[in-house]
Protein backbone atom coordinates (compact mmCIF):
# COMPACT_ATOMS: atom_id res chain seq x y z
CA UNK A 1 -13.53 184.57 34.53
CA UNK A 2 -16.72 183.46 32.83
CA UNK A 3 -19.17 181.26 34.62
CA UNK A 4 -20.43 177.98 33.22
CA UNK A 5 -24.23 178.16 32.87
CA UNK A 6 -26.47 175.15 32.39
CA UNK A 7 -30.11 174.16 32.71
CA UNK A 8 -31.06 171.04 34.61
CA UNK A 9 -34.35 169.45 35.53
CA UNK A 10 -35.36 169.33 39.16
CA UNK A 11 -35.15 165.54 39.05
CA UNK A 12 -31.64 165.76 37.61
CA UNK A 13 -30.58 168.06 40.43
CA UNK A 14 -32.02 165.63 42.99
CA UNK A 15 -30.19 162.76 41.30
CA UNK A 16 -26.93 164.71 41.40
CA UNK A 17 -27.32 165.41 45.12
CA UNK A 18 -28.27 161.78 45.78
CA UNK A 19 -25.13 160.69 43.93
CA UNK A 20 -23.02 162.89 46.20
CA UNK A 21 -24.71 161.47 49.31
CA UNK A 22 -24.21 157.88 48.11
CA UNK A 23 -20.52 158.44 47.36
CA UNK A 24 -19.87 160.13 50.71
CA UNK A 25 -21.70 157.32 52.52
CA UNK A 26 -19.61 154.74 50.65
CA UNK A 27 -16.36 156.47 51.62
CA UNK A 28 -17.39 156.62 55.28
CA UNK A 29 -18.17 152.89 55.34
CA UNK A 30 -15.08 151.92 53.30
CA UNK A 31 -12.17 154.13 54.34
CA UNK A 32 -8.94 154.01 52.40
CA UNK A 33 -5.54 155.64 52.60
CA UNK A 34 -6.33 158.10 49.82
CA UNK A 35 -8.81 159.84 52.14
CA UNK A 36 -5.87 161.11 54.17
CA UNK A 37 -4.12 162.60 51.13
CA UNK A 38 -4.04 166.42 50.97
CA UNK A 39 -5.21 166.43 47.36
CA UNK A 40 -8.23 164.28 48.18
CA UNK A 41 -9.12 166.51 51.12
CA UNK A 42 -8.90 169.62 48.94
CA UNK A 43 -11.14 168.14 46.24
CA UNK A 44 -13.60 166.88 48.84
CA UNK A 45 -13.75 170.34 50.40
CA UNK A 46 -14.55 171.96 47.03
CA UNK A 47 -17.26 169.36 46.40
CA UNK A 48 -18.68 169.79 49.91
CA UNK A 49 -19.09 173.53 49.36
CA UNK A 50 -20.56 173.02 45.90
CA UNK A 51 -23.08 170.41 47.01
CA UNK A 52 -24.12 172.49 50.02
CA UNK A 53 -25.24 175.16 47.55
CA UNK A 54 -26.87 172.60 45.25
CA UNK A 55 -28.82 171.09 48.13
CA UNK A 56 -30.08 174.56 49.04
CA UNK A 57 -31.26 174.87 45.44
CA UNK A 58 -33.08 171.53 45.73
CA UNK A 59 -34.98 172.84 48.74
CA UNK A 60 -35.70 176.34 47.44
CA UNK A 61 -36.65 175.42 43.87
CA UNK A 62 -38.89 172.46 44.54
CA UNK A 63 -41.71 172.20 42.04
CA UNK A 64 -39.93 173.96 39.17
CA UNK A 65 -39.44 171.92 36.02
CA UNK A 66 -36.05 173.34 35.00
CA UNK A 67 -33.42 175.12 37.02
CA UNK A 68 -30.64 177.37 35.74
CA UNK A 69 -27.31 176.87 37.49
CA UNK A 70 -24.01 178.65 37.12
CA UNK A 71 -20.64 177.37 38.22
CA UNK A 72 -17.19 178.81 38.43
CA UNK A 73 -14.73 177.13 36.10
CA UNK A 74 -13.05 175.05 38.80
CA UNK A 75 -16.40 173.96 40.24
CA UNK A 76 -17.57 172.75 36.84
CA UNK A 77 -14.28 170.93 36.29
CA UNK A 78 -14.48 169.07 39.61
CA UNK A 79 -18.19 168.33 39.15
CA UNK A 80 -17.59 166.81 35.69
CA UNK A 81 -14.84 164.59 37.11
CA UNK A 82 -16.98 163.67 40.11
CA UNK A 83 -19.84 162.55 37.86
CA UNK A 84 -17.62 160.56 35.50
CA UNK A 85 -15.78 158.80 38.32
CA UNK A 86 -18.92 157.88 40.25
CA UNK A 87 -21.57 157.30 37.58
CA UNK A 88 -21.97 153.66 38.60
CA UNK A 89 -23.43 154.75 41.95
CA UNK A 90 -26.48 156.08 40.07
CA UNK A 91 -29.22 153.49 39.83
CA UNK A 92 -31.17 153.24 36.61
CA UNK A 93 -30.21 153.91 33.02
CA UNK A 94 -32.42 157.00 32.74
CA UNK A 95 -30.75 158.67 35.70
CA UNK A 96 -27.29 157.65 34.51
CA UNK A 97 -28.01 159.13 31.10
CA UNK A 98 -29.25 162.38 32.64
CA UNK A 99 -26.01 162.65 34.65
CA UNK A 100 -23.90 161.93 31.57
CA UNK A 101 -25.87 164.52 29.61
CA UNK A 102 -25.24 167.09 32.34
CA UNK A 103 -21.54 166.23 32.37
CA UNK A 104 -21.35 166.51 28.57
CA UNK A 105 -23.11 169.90 28.54
CA UNK A 106 -20.78 171.26 31.19
CA UNK A 107 -17.74 169.88 29.40
CA UNK A 108 -18.80 171.65 26.19
CA UNK A 109 -19.09 174.93 28.10
CA UNK A 110 -15.55 174.59 29.46
């Protein structure tokens, strides 16, 4: 299976990781019944593993202007859906546009 390859700015990668942190914090403070659903737990687990790797990239690639990332097909699919469902958690139009651009680029690669 081919991997999905994209380039992202360091700031975009930080914004993406911040989005994940904000969403997880929101779900901890506002629990709902869906959080106990098996499907939700499975998707959350995939995202947890993906963002663990992305956060390692944030730490290891600090200071670089652009970063090349590759995702497995299912990771890209869940990441696109995660961004589109939670874009309103991103503050600022510039950051929202950078997340939408990332989502669009990944969607074109699928």
